[in-house]
Amino acid sequence: MNKKVIKYLRGVSHHINPVIMIADKGLTENILNDIDIALDRHELIKIKIRLDREQRSSITEDILQQCKAHKIHSIGQTLTIFRANPDDPQFDLTL
């Protein structure tokens, strides 16, 4: 993804509320399934990770790797990720 696309998606994601929250139990199979479903449906989602900094960074890497998603933005406890849906694209990324 180039910088123009990331900048565009970051602007679009500004008004999106988090759809997934990760807390005490960490990253479980059910949460990964929910993230996959949300990415298939919305392509661009926010995830709230309520853990300390080291745990957030490792969970972020795990999510990106296992869901094959791109990190758009991360600030504090909120992570914004994107994965294109080839069957039903929500965004025109030909910038």
N, C-alpha and C. Protein backbone atom coordinates (compact mmCIF):
# COMPACT_ATOMS: atom_id res chain seq x y z
N MET A 1 0.84 -1.17 0.00
CA MET A 1 0.00 0.00 0.00
C MET A 1 0.89 1.24 0.00
N ASN A 2 0.52 2.20 -0.83
CA ASN A 2 1.32 3.42 -0.87
C ASN A 2 0.80 4.44 0.13
N LYS A 3 1.55 5.51 0.30
CA LYS A 3 1.22 6.50 1.32
C LYS A 3 -0.09 7.23 1.03
N LYS A 4 -0.43 7.42 -0.24
CA LYS A 4 -1.70 8.08 -0.58
C LYS A 4 -2.89 7.26 -0.11
N VAL A 5 -2.82 5.97 -0.33
CA VAL A 5 -3.92 5.08 0.06
C VAL A 5 -4.04 5.06 1.59
N ILE A 6 -2.92 4.96 2.28
CA ILE A 6 -2.96 4.94 3.74
C ILE A 6 -3.51 6.25 4.28
N LYS A 7 -3.12 7.37 3.69
CA LYS A 7 -3.62 8.67 4.12
C LYS A 7 -5.13 8.77 3.89
N TYR A 8 -5.59 8.29 2.74
CA TYR A 8 -7.02 8.30 2.44
C TYR A 8 -7.80 7.44 3.45
N LEU A 9 -7.33 6.21 3.68
CA LEU A 9 -8.02 5.31 4.61
C LEU A 9 -7.98 5.84 6.04
N ARG A 10 -6.91 6.49 6.39
CA ARG A 10 -6.80 7.08 7.73
C ARG A 10 -7.85 8.18 7.91
N GLY A 11 -8.07 8.98 6.88
CA GLY A 11 -9.09 10.01 6.93
C GLY A 11 -10.49 9.42 7.01
N VAL A 12 -10.73 8.37 6.25
CA VAL A 12 -12.04 7.71 6.26
C VAL A 12 -12.30 7.08 7.62
N SER A 13 -11.27 6.54 8.23
CA SER A 13 -11.45 5.81 9.49
C SER A 13 -11.66 6.72 10.69
N HIS A 14 -11.49 8.00 10.50
CA HIS A 14 -11.59 8.94 11.62
C HIS A 14 -12.93 8.84 12.35
N HIS A 15 -14.00 8.63 11.62
CA HIS A 15 -15.34 8.62 12.22
C HIS A 15 -15.86 7.21 12.51
N ILE A 16 -15.02 6.21 12.33
CA ILE A 16 -15.43 4.82 12.59
C ILE A 16 -15.20 4.51 14.07
N ASN A 17 -16.15 3.83 14.68
CA ASN A 17 -16.02 3.38 16.06
C ASN A 17 -15.38 1.99 16.09
N PRO A 18 -14.66 1.65 17.17
CA PRO A 18 -14.08 0.31 17.27
C PRO A 18 -15.17 -0.77 17.27
N VAL A 19 -14.92 -1.85 16.53
CA VAL A 19 -15.89 -2.94 16.44
C VAL A 19 -15.45 -4.15 17.26
N ILE A 20 -14.18 -4.22 17.63
CA ILE A 20 -13.64 -5.33 18.40
C ILE A 20 -12.90 -4.75 19.60
N MET A 21 -13.05 -5.41 20.76
CA MET A 21 -12.29 -5.00 21.94
C MET A 21 -11.54 -6.21 22.48
N ILE A 22 -10.24 -6.03 22.70
CA ILE A 22 -9.40 -7.08 23.25
C ILE A 22 -8.99 -6.64 24.65
N ALA A 23 -9.24 -7.50 25.64
CA ALA A 23 -8.95 -7.13 27.03
C ALA A 23 -8.14 -8.23 27.72
N ASP A 24 -8.53 -8.60 28.92
CA ASP A 24 -7.78 -9.49 29.80
C ASP A 24 -7.34 -10.81 29.16
N LYS A 25 -8.21 -11.44 28.43
CA LYS A 25 -7.91 -12.76 27.89
C LYS A 25 -6.97 -12.72 26.69
N GLY A 26 -6.71 -11.56 26.16
CA GLY A 26 -5.80 -11.43 25.02
C GLY A 26 -6.44 -11.84 23.72
N LEU A 27 -5.62 -12.26 22.80
CA LEU A 27 -6.06 -12.61 21.46
C LEU A 27 -6.45 -14.08 21.42
N THR A 28 -7.74 -14.36 21.29
CA THR A 28 -8.23 -15.74 21.25
C THR A 28 -8.71 -16.07 19.84
N GLU A 29 -9.00 -17.35 19.62
CA GLU A 29 -9.51 -17.79 18.31
C GLU A 29 -10.83 -17.10 17.98
N ASN A 30 -11.69 -16.93 18.97
CA ASN A 30 -12.98 -16.27 18.73
C ASN A 30 -12.78 -14.82 18.29
N ILE A 31 -11.85 -14.14 18.91
CA ILE A 31 -11.59 -12.76 18.52
C ILE A 31 -11.03 -12.70 17.11
N LEU A 32 -10.12 -13.62 16.77
CA LEU A 32 -9.58 -13.66 15.40
C LEU A 32 -10.69 -13.93 14.39
N ASN A 33 -11.62 -14.81 14.72
CA ASN A 33 -12.75 -15.08 13.83
C ASN A 33 -13.61 -13.83 13.66
N ASP A 34 -13.86 -13.12 14.76
CA ASP A 34 -14.64 -11.89 14.69
C ASP A 34 -13.94 -10.83 13.84
N ILE A 35 -12.63 -10.73 13.97
CA ILE A 35 -11.86 -9.77 13.17
C ILE A 35 -11.97 -10.14 11.69
N ASP A 36 -11.84 -11.44 11.37
CA ASP A 36 -11.97 -11.88 9.98
C ASP A 36 -13.34 -11.53 9.40
N ILE A 37 -14.37 -11.77 10.17
CA ILE A 37 -15.74 -11.47 9.71
C ILE A 37 -15.90 -9.97 9.50
N ALA A 38 -15.42 -9.18 10.45
CA ALA A 38 -15.53 -7.72 10.33
C ALA A 38 -14.74 -7.19 9.14
N LEU A 39 -13.56 -7.74 8.90
CA LEU A 39 -12.77 -7.31 7.74
C LEU A 39 -13.45 -7.69 6.43
N ASP A 40 -14.04 -8.86 6.37
CA ASP A 40 -14.76 -9.27 5.16
C ASP A 40 -15.94 -8.34 4.88
N ARG A 41 -16.61 -7.92 5.94
CA ARG A 41 -17.80 -7.09 5.79
C ARG A 41 -17.47 -5.62 5.56
N HIS A 42 -16.51 -5.08 6.33
CA HIS A 42 -16.26 -3.64 6.30
C HIS A 42 -14.94 -3.23 5.65
N GLU A 43 -13.99 -4.13 5.54
CA GLU A 43 -12.64 -3.89 5.02
C GLU A 43 -11.78 -3.02 5.94
N LEU A 44 -12.32 -1.96 6.50
CA LEU A 44 -11.58 -1.04 7.35
C LEU A 44 -12.23 -1.05 8.73
N ILE A 45 -11.47 -1.49 9.75
CA ILE A 45 -12.04 -1.58 11.09
C ILE A 45 -11.07 -1.02 12.13
N LYS A 46 -11.64 -0.67 13.27
CA LYS A 46 -10.85 -0.27 14.42
C LYS A 46 -10.99 -1.33 15.50
N ILE A 47 -9.87 -1.57 16.20
CA ILE A 47 -9.83 -2.53 17.28
C ILE A 47 -9.29 -1.81 18.51
N LYS A 48 -9.97 -1.97 19.63
CA LYS A 48 -9.53 -1.38 20.90
C LYS A 48 -8.80 -2.48 21.67
N ILE A 49 -7.52 -2.23 21.99
CA ILE A 49 -6.70 -3.20 22.71
C ILE A 49 -6.40 -2.63 24.08
N ARG A 50 -7.03 -3.18 25.11
CA ARG A 50 -6.92 -2.67 26.48
C ARG A 50 -5.85 -3.43 27.26
N LEU A 51 -4.62 -3.35 26.81
CA LEU A 51 -3.49 -4.00 27.46
C LEU A 51 -2.31 -3.03 27.50
N ASP A 52 -1.21 -3.44 28.14
CA ASP A 52 -0.05 -2.54 28.19
C ASP A 52 0.66 -2.50 26.83
N ARG A 53 1.61 -1.60 26.71
CA ARG A 53 2.24 -1.29 25.42
C ARG A 53 2.89 -2.50 24.76
N GLU A 54 3.66 -3.30 25.52
CA GLU A 54 4.34 -4.45 24.92
C GLU A 54 3.34 -5.48 24.41
N GLN A 55 2.31 -5.73 25.20
CA GLN A 55 1.28 -6.68 24.78
C GLN A 55 0.53 -6.17 23.56
N ARG A 56 0.26 -4.86 23.51
CA ARG A 56 -0.44 -4.29 22.35
C ARG A 56 0.38 -4.48 21.08
N SER A 57 1.68 -4.24 21.16
CA SER A 57 2.50 -4.36 19.95
C SER A 57 2.59 -5.81 19.48
N SER A 58 2.70 -6.77 20.40
CA SER A 58 2.75 -8.17 19.98
C SER A 58 1.41 -8.64 19.44
N ILE A 59 0.32 -8.20 20.06
CA ILE A 59 -1.01 -8.57 19.56
C ILE A 59 -1.26 -7.94 18.19
N THR A 60 -0.81 -6.71 18.01
CA THR A 60 -0.95 -6.05 16.71
C THR A 60 -0.25 -6.86 15.63
N GLU A 61 0.98 -7.27 15.88
CA GLU A 61 1.71 -8.07 14.90
C GLU A 61 1.01 -9.40 14.61
N ASP A 62 0.50 -10.04 15.65
CA ASP A 62 -0.23 -11.30 15.47
C ASP A 62 -1.48 -11.11 14.61
N ILE A 63 -2.22 -10.04 14.88
CA ILE A 63 -3.44 -9.76 14.11
C ILE A 63 -3.10 -9.53 12.65
N LEU A 64 -2.11 -8.69 12.39
CA LEU A 64 -1.73 -8.37 11.01
C LEU A 64 -1.27 -9.61 10.26
N GLN A 65 -0.51 -10.45 10.93
CA GLN A 65 0.01 -11.65 10.29
C GLN A 65 -1.08 -12.69 10.06
N GLN A 66 -1.89 -12.96 11.07
CA GLN A 66 -2.89 -14.03 10.95
C GLN A 66 -4.08 -13.63 10.08
N CYS A 67 -4.43 -12.35 10.05
CA CYS A 67 -5.57 -11.89 9.26
C CYS A 67 -5.16 -11.36 7.89
N LYS A 68 -3.85 -11.30 7.63
CA LYS A 68 -3.32 -10.78 6.37
C LYS A 68 -3.86 -9.39 6.08
N ALA A 69 -3.79 -8.54 7.10
CA ALA A 69 -4.31 -7.17 7.00
C ALA A 69 -3.15 -6.18 7.01
N HIS A 70 -3.46 -4.94 6.66
CA HIS A 70 -2.49 -3.85 6.67
C HIS A 70 -2.80 -2.90 7.81
N LYS A 71 -1.78 -2.47 8.50
CA LYS A 71 -1.95 -1.49 9.58
C LYS A 71 -2.08 -0.10 8.95
N ILE A 72 -3.16 0.57 9.25
CA ILE A 72 -3.38 1.92 8.74
C ILE A 72 -2.93 2.95 9.76
N HIS A 73 -3.30 2.72 11.02
CA HIS A 73 -2.98 3.70 12.04
C HIS A 73 -3.09 3.05 13.41
N SER A 74 -2.27 3.52 14.32
CA SER A 74 -2.34 3.05 15.70
C SER A 74 -2.03 4.22 16.62
N ILE A 75 -2.97 4.51 17.49
CA ILE A 75 -2.75 5.58 18.45
C ILE A 75 -3.33 5.14 19.78
N GLY A 76 -2.48 5.14 20.80
CA GLY A 76 -2.93 4.69 22.12
C GLY A 76 -3.39 3.25 22.07
N GLN A 77 -4.60 3.00 22.48
CA GLN A 77 -5.14 1.64 22.53
C GLN A 77 -5.96 1.29 21.30
N THR A 78 -6.01 2.17 20.32
CA THR A 78 -6.84 1.94 19.14
C THR A 78 -5.98 1.62 17.93
N LEU A 79 -6.31 0.51 17.28
CA LEU A 79 -5.62 0.04 16.09
C LEU A 79 -6.59 0.06 14.93
N THR A 80 -6.17 0.63 13.81
CA THR A 80 -6.99 0.65 12.60
C THR A 80 -6.30 -0.23 11.56
N ILE A 81 -7.05 -1.21 11.02
CA ILE A 81 -6.49 -2.11 10.02
C ILE A 81 -7.39 -2.19 8.79
N PHE A 82 -6.80 -2.64 7.68
CA PHE A 82 -7.51 -2.74 6.41
C PHE A 82 -7.14 -4.04 5.72
N ARG A 83 -8.14 -4.69 5.15
CA ARG A 83 -7.91 -5.83 4.26
C ARG A 83 -8.94 -5.74 3.14
N ALA A 84 -8.47 -5.66 1.92
CA ALA A 84 -9.37 -5.52 0.77
C ALA A 84 -10.19 -6.79 0.57
N ASN A 85 -11.44 -6.61 0.22
CA ASN A 85 -12.33 -7.71 -0.10
C ASN A 85 -12.46 -7.74 -1.62
N PRO A 86 -11.86 -8.74 -2.29
CA PRO A 86 -11.90 -8.75 -3.76
C PRO A 86 -13.30 -8.96 -4.35
N ASP A 87 -14.20 -9.59 -3.59
CA ASP A 87 -15.54 -9.86 -4.09
C ASP A 87 -16.48 -8.67 -3.97
N ASP A 88 -16.33 -7.89 -2.88
CA ASP A 88 -17.23 -6.76 -2.64
C ASP A 88 -16.44 -5.57 -2.07
N PRO A 89 -15.66 -4.87 -2.92
CA PRO A 89 -14.84 -3.77 -2.41
C PRO A 89 -15.68 -2.60 -1.93
N GLN A 90 -15.33 -2.06 -0.77
CA GLN A 90 -16.04 -0.92 -0.20
C GLN A 90 -15.39 0.42 -0.58
N PHE A 91 -14.10 0.38 -0.90
CA PHE A 91 -13.34 1.61 -1.16
C PHE A 91 -12.66 1.51 -2.52
N ASP A 92 -12.63 2.63 -3.23
CA ASP A 92 -11.90 2.72 -4.49
C ASP A 92 -10.50 3.21 -4.17
N LEU A 93 -9.52 2.31 -4.28
CA LEU A 93 -8.17 2.63 -3.90
C LEU A 93 -7.27 2.95 -5.08
N THR A 94 -7.84 3.35 -6.19
CA THR A 94 -7.06 3.73 -7.36
C THR A 94 -6.79 5.23 -7.31
N LEU A 95 -5.95 5.63 -6.38
CA LEU A 95 -5.64 7.05 -6.20
C LEU A 95 -4.44 7.44 -7.02
